[in-house]
Amino acid sequence: MTPDNDNQPRLVSMNDACRLTSMSRTMLNRLRTTGDFPLAVPLGERRVAFVRSEVQAWISDRIARRAA
């Protein structure tokens, strides 16, 4: 992963999304199936990535919900 220094959209791999969220691939895929995780960007037949800012917003939303 590289830092977002130029405000350009950045993609993160499934493995990076797992590291950012501290969740397994299985759990992320379950959330994707139910529409509870940011949409994936297809990169190839069997490869997807996620928009880093969307994953970070998803994480921030989960943090905000814990206070409620």
PDB file of N, CA and C in Angstrom:
ATOM      1  N   MET A   1       0.847  -1.178   0.000  1.00  0.00           N
ATOM      2  CA  MET A   1       0.000   0.000   0.000  1.00  0.00           C
ATOM      3  C   MET A   1       0.892   1.240   0.000  1.00  0.00           C
ATOM      4  N   THR A   2       0.439   2.260  -0.699  1.00  0.00           N
ATOM      5  CA  THR A   2       1.174   3.513  -0.722  1.00  0.00           C
ATOM      6  C   THR A   2       0.306   4.619  -0.149  1.00  0.00           C
ATOM      7  N   PRO A   3       0.931   5.642   0.412  1.00  0.00           N
ATOM      8  CA  PRO A   3       0.137   6.735   0.977  1.00  0.00           C
ATOM      9  C   PRO A   3      -0.585   7.517  -0.105  1.00  0.00           C
ATOM     10  N   ASP A   4      -1.723   8.125   0.257  1.00  0.00           N
ATOM     11  CA  ASP A   4      -2.493   8.946  -0.675  1.00  0.00           C
ATOM     12  C   ASP A   4      -2.008  10.387  -0.574  1.00  0.00           C
ATOM     13  N   ASN A   5      -0.954  10.720  -1.292  1.00  0.00           N
ATOM     14  CA  ASN A   5      -0.407  12.070  -1.230  1.00  0.00           C
ATOM     15  C   ASN A   5      -0.963  12.982  -2.300  1.00  0.00           C
ATOM     16  N   ASP A   6      -1.556  12.444  -3.351  1.00  0.00           N
ATOM     17  CA  ASP A   6      -1.986  13.276  -4.473  1.00  0.00           C
ATOM     18  C   ASP A   6      -3.503  13.307  -4.650  1.00  0.00           C
ATOM     19  N   ASN A   7      -4.254  12.825  -3.676  1.00  0.00           N
ATOM     20  CA  ASN A   7      -5.721  12.839  -3.692  1.00  0.00           C
ATOM     21  C   ASN A   7      -6.333  12.089  -4.868  1.00  0.00           C
ATOM     22  N   GLN A   8      -5.583  11.230  -5.500  1.00  0.00           N
ATOM     23  CA  GLN A   8      -6.113  10.397  -6.568  1.00  0.00           C
ATOM     24  C   GLN A   8      -6.750   9.160  -5.958  1.00  0.00           C
ATOM     25  N   PRO A   9      -7.823   8.652  -6.573  1.00  0.00           N
ATOM     26  CA  PRO A   9      -8.402   7.412  -6.040  1.00  0.00           C
ATOM     27  C   PRO A   9      -7.352   6.303  -6.048  1.00  0.00           C
ATOM     28  N   ARG A  10      -7.310   5.576  -4.971  1.00  0.00           N
ATOM     29  CA  ARG A  10      -6.365   4.464  -4.839  1.00  0.00           C
ATOM     30  C   ARG A  10      -7.136   3.180  -4.632  1.00  0.00           C
ATOM     31  N   LEU A  11      -6.656   2.142  -5.251  1.00  0.00           N
ATOM     32  CA  LEU A  11      -7.253   0.825  -5.078  1.00  0.00           C
ATOM     33  C   LEU A  11      -6.420   0.026  -4.093  1.00  0.00           C
ATOM     34  N   VAL A  12      -7.117  -0.793  -3.309  1.00  0.00           N
ATOM     35  CA  VAL A  12      -6.430  -1.712  -2.409  1.00  0.00           C
ATOM     36  C   VAL A  12      -6.916  -3.121  -2.725  1.00  0.00           C
ATOM     37  N   SER A  13      -6.032  -4.056  -2.599  1.00  0.00           N
ATOM     38  CA  SER A  13      -6.366  -5.449  -2.869  1.00  0.00           C
ATOM     39  C   SER A  13      -7.279  -6.013  -1.786  1.00  0.00           C
ATOM     40  N   MET A  14      -7.809  -7.182  -2.038  1.00  0.00           N
ATOM     41  CA  MET A  14      -8.613  -7.872  -1.039  1.00  0.00           C
ATOM     42  C   MET A  14      -7.787  -8.098   0.222  1.00  0.00           C
ATOM     43  N   ASN A  15      -6.535  -8.508   0.070  1.00  0.00           N
ATOM     44  CA  ASN A  15      -5.676  -8.730   1.234  1.00  0.00           C
ATOM     45  C   ASN A  15      -5.468  -7.443   2.017  1.00  0.00           C
ATOM     46  N   ASP A  16      -5.265  -6.335   1.312  1.00  0.00           N
ATOM     47  CA  ASP A  16      -5.096  -5.054   2.000  1.00  0.00           C
ATOM     48  C   ASP A  16      -6.387  -4.644   2.699  1.00  0.00           C
ATOM     49  N   ALA A  17      -7.535  -4.876   2.069  1.00  0.00           N
ATOM     50  CA  ALA A  17      -8.828  -4.561   2.703  1.00  0.00           C
ATOM     51  C   ALA A  17      -8.996  -5.398   3.971  1.00  0.00           C
ATOM     52  N   CYS A  18      -8.559  -6.630   3.927  1.00  0.00           N
ATOM     53  CA  CYS A  18      -8.616  -7.485   5.122  1.00  0.00           C
ATOM     54  C   CYS A  18      -7.741  -6.911   6.229  1.00  0.00           C
ATOM     55  N   ARG A  19      -6.541  -6.475   5.869  1.00  0.00           N
ATOM     56  CA  ARG A  19      -5.646  -5.889   6.870  1.00  0.00           C
ATOM     57  C   ARG A  19      -6.223  -4.594   7.433  1.00  0.00           C
ATOM     58  N   LEU A  20      -6.774  -3.744   6.573  1.00  0.00           N
ATOM     59  CA  LEU A  20      -7.331  -2.470   7.030  1.00  0.00           C
ATOM     60  C   LEU A  20      -8.505  -2.673   7.989  1.00  0.00           C
ATOM     61  N   THR A  21      -9.325  -3.687   7.729  1.00  0.00           N
ATOM     62  CA  THR A  21     -10.528  -3.916   8.535  1.00  0.00           C
ATOM     63  C   THR A  21     -10.319  -4.926   9.654  1.00  0.00           C
ATOM     64  N   SER A  22      -9.211  -5.626   9.640  1.00  0.00           N
ATOM     65  CA  SER A  22      -8.932  -6.709  10.597  1.00  0.00           C
ATOM     66  C   SER A  22      -9.945  -7.845  10.474  1.00  0.00           C
ATOM     67  N   MET A  23     -10.414  -8.079   9.263  1.00  0.00           N
ATOM     68  CA  MET A  23     -11.365  -9.166   9.010  1.00  0.00           C
ATOM     69  C   MET A  23     -10.796 -10.141   7.993  1.00  0.00           C
ATOM     70  N   SER A  24     -11.331 -11.344   8.011  1.00  0.00           N
ATOM     71  CA  SER A  24     -10.909 -12.373   7.067  1.00  0.00           C
ATOM     72  C   SER A  24     -11.549 -12.134   5.701  1.00  0.00           C
ATOM     73  N   ARG A  25     -10.985 -12.793   4.696  1.00  0.00           N
ATOM     74  CA  ARG A  25     -11.566 -12.735   3.349  1.00  0.00           C
ATOM     75  C   ARG A  25     -12.991 -13.274   3.373  1.00  0.00           C
ATOM     76  N   THR A  26     -13.208 -14.330   4.142  1.00  0.00           N
ATOM     77  CA  THR A  26     -14.543 -14.925   4.227  1.00  0.00           C
ATOM     78  C   THR A  26     -15.552 -13.919   4.743  1.00  0.00           C
ATOM     79  N   MET A  27     -15.181 -13.206   5.804  1.00  0.00           N
ATOM     80  CA  MET A  27     -16.093 -12.219   6.377  1.00  0.00           C
ATOM     81  C   MET A  27     -16.344 -11.068   5.409  1.00  0.00           C
ATOM     82  N   LEU A  28     -15.295 -10.576   4.770  1.00  0.00           N
ATOM     83  CA  LEU A  28     -15.485  -9.500   3.795  1.00  0.00           C
ATOM     84  C   LEU A  28     -16.391  -9.953   2.654  1.00  0.00           C
ATOM     85  N   ASN A  29     -16.200 -11.177   2.193  1.00  0.00           N
ATOM     86  CA  ASN A  29     -17.054 -11.673   1.114  1.00  0.00           C
ATOM     87  C   ASN A  29     -18.505 -11.811   1.566  1.00  0.00           C
ATOM     88  N   ARG A  30     -18.731 -12.195   2.820  1.00  0.00           N
ATOM     89  CA  ARG A  30     -20.100 -12.248   3.345  1.00  0.00           C
ATOM     90  C   ARG A  30     -20.721 -10.858   3.345  1.00  0.00           C
ATOM     91  N   LEU A  31     -19.958  -9.876   3.805  1.00  0.00           N
ATOM     92  CA  LEU A  31     -20.456  -8.499   3.818  1.00  0.00           C
ATOM     93  C   LEU A  31     -20.710  -7.989   2.404  1.00  0.00           C
ATOM     94  N   ARG A  32     -19.853  -8.348   1.473  1.00  0.00           N
ATOM     95  CA  ARG A  32     -20.047  -7.953   0.070  1.00  0.00           C
ATOM     96  C   ARG A  32     -21.331  -8.565  -0.477  1.00  0.00           C
ATOM     97  N   THR A  33     -21.585  -9.820  -0.144  1.00  0.00           N
ATOM     98  CA  THR A  33     -22.775 -10.517  -0.640  1.00  0.00           C
ATOM     99  C   THR A  33     -24.052  -9.844  -0.164  1.00  0.00           C
ATOM    100  N   THR A  34     -24.027  -9.334   1.065  1.00  0.00           N
ATOM    101  CA  THR A  34     -25.224  -8.690   1.617  1.00  0.00           C
ATOM    102  C   THR A  34     -25.279  -7.198   1.297  1.00  0.00           C
ATOM    103  N   GLY A  35     -24.265  -6.680   0.616  1.00  0.00           N
ATOM    104  CA  GLY A  35     -24.241  -5.264   0.268  1.00  0.00           C
ATOM    105  C   GLY A  35     -23.804  -4.368   1.405  1.00  0.00           C
ATOM    106  N   ASP A  36     -23.155  -4.953   2.416  1.00  0.00           N
ATOM    107  CA  ASP A  36     -22.741  -4.204   3.599  1.00  0.00           C
ATOM    108  C   ASP A  36     -21.270  -3.821   3.587  1.00  0.00           C
ATOM    109  N   PHE A  37     -20.646  -3.860   2.435  1.00  0.00           N
ATOM    110  CA  PHE A  37     -19.246  -3.457   2.292  1.00  0.00           C
ATOM    111  C   PHE A  37     -19.136  -2.733   0.954  1.00  0.00           C
ATOM    112  N   PRO A  38     -18.197  -1.807   0.819  1.00  0.00           N
ATOM    113  CA  PRO A  38     -18.057  -1.079  -0.453  1.00  0.00           C
ATOM    114  C   PRO A  38     -17.935  -2.022  -1.654  1.00  0.00           C
ATOM    115  N   LEU A  39     -18.474  -1.569  -2.762  1.00  0.00           N
ATOM    116  CA  LEU A  39     -18.434  -2.362  -3.990  1.00  0.00           C
ATOM    117  C   LEU A  39     -16.998  -2.570  -4.454  1.00  0.00           C
ATOM    118  N   ALA A  40     -16.751  -3.745  -4.982  1.00  0.00           N
ATOM    119  CA  ALA A  40     -15.433  -4.069  -5.518  1.00  0.00           C
ATOM    120  C   ALA A  40     -15.291  -3.507  -6.930  1.00  0.00           C
ATOM    121  N   VAL A  41     -14.060  -3.243  -7.305  1.00  0.00           N
ATOM    122  CA  VAL A  41     -13.720  -2.821  -8.663  1.00  0.00           C
ATOM    123  C   VAL A  41     -13.121  -4.035  -9.363  1.00  0.00           C
ATOM    124  N   PRO A  42     -13.801  -4.564 -10.381  1.00  0.00           N
ATOM    125  CA  PRO A  42     -13.233  -5.736 -11.061  1.00  0.00           C
ATOM    126  C   PRO A  42     -11.962  -5.359 -11.834  1.00  0.00           C
ATOM    127  N   LEU A  43     -10.928  -6.147 -11.638  1.00  0.00           N
ATOM    128  CA  LEU A  43      -9.659  -5.904 -12.327  1.00  0.00           C
ATOM    129  C   LEU A  43      -9.346  -6.980 -13.354  1.00  0.00           C
ATOM    130  N   GLY A  44      -9.975  -8.089 -13.222  1.00  0.00           N
ATOM    131  CA  GLY A  44      -9.756  -9.204 -14.119  1.00  0.00           C
ATOM    132  C   GLY A  44     -10.791 -10.265 -13.840  1.00  0.00           C
ATOM    133  N   GLU A  45     -10.628 -11.406 -14.450  1.00  0.00           N
ATOM    134  CA  GLU A  45     -11.606 -12.479 -14.299  1.00  0.00           C
ATOM    135  C   GLU A  45     -11.764 -12.926 -12.845  1.00  0.00           C
ATOM    136  N   ARG A  46     -10.662 -12.989 -12.106  1.00  0.00           N
ATOM    137  CA  ARG A  46     -10.722 -13.459 -10.719  1.00  0.00           C
ATOM    138  C   ARG A  46     -10.029 -12.506  -9.755  1.00  0.00           C
ATOM    139  N   ARG A  47      -9.984 -11.232 -10.106  1.00  0.00           N
ATOM    140  CA  ARG A  47      -9.256 -10.261  -9.275  1.00  0.00           C
ATOM    141  C   ARG A  47     -10.118  -9.022  -9.079  1.00  0.00           C
ATOM    142  N   VAL A  48     -10.249  -8.612  -7.822  1.00  0.00           N
ATOM    143  CA  VAL A  48     -10.970  -7.387  -7.509  1.00  0.00           C
ATOM    144  C   VAL A  48     -10.124  -6.532  -6.573  1.00  0.00           C
ATOM    145  N   ALA A  49     -10.486  -5.268  -6.506  1.00  0.00           N
ATOM    146  CA  ALA A  49      -9.857  -4.345  -5.570  1.00  0.00           C
ATOM    147  C   ALA A  49     -10.961  -3.445  -5.030  1.00  0.00           C
ATOM    148  N   PHE A  50     -10.607  -2.614  -4.081  1.00  0.00           N
ATOM    149  CA  PHE A  50     -11.566  -1.707  -3.468  1.00  0.00           C
ATOM    150  C   PHE A  50     -10.980  -0.308  -3.477  1.00  0.00           C
ATOM    151  N   VAL A  51     -11.847   0.696  -3.542  1.00  0.00           N
ATOM    152  CA  VAL A  51     -11.392   2.080  -3.459  1.00  0.00           C
ATOM    153  C   VAL A  51     -11.028   2.335  -1.997  1.00  0.00           C
ATOM    154  N   ARG A  52      -9.780   2.678  -1.771  1.00  0.00           N
ATOM    155  CA  ARG A  52      -9.262   2.829  -0.414  1.00  0.00           C
ATOM    156  C   ARG A  52     -10.101   3.806   0.421  1.00  0.00           C
ATOM    157  N   SER A  53     -10.469   4.942  -0.152  1.00  0.00           N
ATOM    158  CA  SER A  53     -11.232   5.939   0.606  1.00  0.00           C
ATOM    159  C   SER A  53     -12.599   5.405   1.016  1.00  0.00           C
ATOM    160  N   GLU A  54     -13.200   4.535   0.187  1.00  0.00           N
ATOM    161  CA  GLU A  54     -14.488   3.934   0.529  1.00  0.00           C
ATOM    162  C   GLU A  54     -14.342   2.945   1.679  1.00  0.00           C
ATOM    163  N   VAL A  55     -13.259   2.181   1.680  1.00  0.00           N
ATOM    164  CA  VAL A  55     -13.004   1.247   2.780  1.00  0.00           C
ATOM    165  C   VAL A  55     -12.752   2.028   4.064  1.00  0.00           C
ATOM    166  N   GLN A  56     -11.974   3.101   3.965  1.00  0.00           N
ATOM    167  CA  GLN A  56     -11.703   3.921   5.146  1.00  0.00           C
ATOM    168  C   GLN A  56     -12.981   4.570   5.677  1.00  0.00           C
ATOM    169  N   ALA A  57     -13.867   5.012   4.788  1.00  0.00           N
ATOM    170  CA  ALA A  57     -15.150   5.591   5.210  1.00  0.00           C
ATOM    171  C   ALA A  57     -15.999   4.529   5.893  1.00  0.00           C
ATOM    172  N   TRP A  58     -15.978   3.302   5.373  1.00  0.00           N
ATOM    173  CA  TRP A  58     -16.722   2.194   5.971  1.00  0.00           C
ATOM    174  C   TRP A  58     -16.216   1.943   7.394  1.00  0.00           C
ATOM    175  N   ILE A  59     -14.898   1.953   7.564  1.00  0.00           N
ATOM    176  CA  ILE A  59     -14.298   1.752   8.888  1.00  0.00           C
ATOM    177  C   ILE A  59     -14.718   2.889   9.822  1.00  0.00           C
ATOM    178  N   SER A  60     -14.638   4.117   9.353  1.00  0.00           N
ATOM    179  CA  SER A  60     -15.023   5.276  10.169  1.00  0.00           C
ATOM    180  C   SER A  60     -16.480   5.189  10.599  1.00  0.00           C
ATOM    181  N   ASP A  61     -17.334   4.719   9.697  1.00  0.00           N
ATOM    182  CA  ASP A  61     -18.755   4.560  10.024  1.00  0.00           C
ATOM    183  C   ASP A  61     -18.941   3.534  11.139  1.00  0.00           C
ATOM    184  N   ARG A  62     -18.200   2.435  11.089  1.00  0.00           N
ATOM    185  CA  ARG A  62     -18.295   1.422  12.135  1.00  0.00           C
ATOM    186  C   ARG A  62     -17.829   1.977  13.477  1.00  0.00           C
ATOM    187  N   ILE A  63     -16.784   2.787  13.464  1.00  0.00           N
ATOM    188  CA  ILE A  63     -16.288   3.400  14.695  1.00  0.00           C
ATOM    189  C   ILE A  63     -17.351   4.355  15.244  1.00  0.00           C
ATOM    190  N   ALA A  64     -17.961   5.144  14.394  1.00  0.00           N
ATOM    191  CA  ALA A  64     -18.983   6.102  14.825  1.00  0.00           C
ATOM    192  C   ALA A  64     -20.201   5.378  15.404  1.00  0.00           C
ATOM    193  N   ARG A  65     -20.555   4.221  14.852  1.00  0.00           N
ATOM    194  CA  ARG A  65     -21.716   3.471  15.322  1.00  0.00           C
ATOM    195  C   ARG A  65     -21.530   2.915  16.729  1.00  0.00           C
ATOM    196  N   ARG A  66     -20.296   2.667  17.125  1.00  0.00           N
ATOM    197  CA  ARG A  66     -20.086   2.059  18.441  1.00  0.00           C
ATOM    198  C   ARG A  66     -20.462   3.006  19.566  1.00  0.00           C
ATOM    199  N   ALA A  67     -20.406   4.305  19.302  1.00  0.00           N
ATOM    200  CA  ALA A  67     -20.741   5.292  20.331  1.00  0.00           C
ATOM    201  C   ALA A  67     -22.253   5.441  20.480  1.00  0.00           C
ATOM    202  N   ALA A  68     -22.996   4.979  19.494  1.00  0.00           N
ATOM    203  CA  ALA A  68     -24.453   5.148  19.522  1.00  0.00           C
ATOM    204  C   ALA A  68     -25.126   4.170  20.465  1.00  0.00           C
TER     205      ALA A  68
END
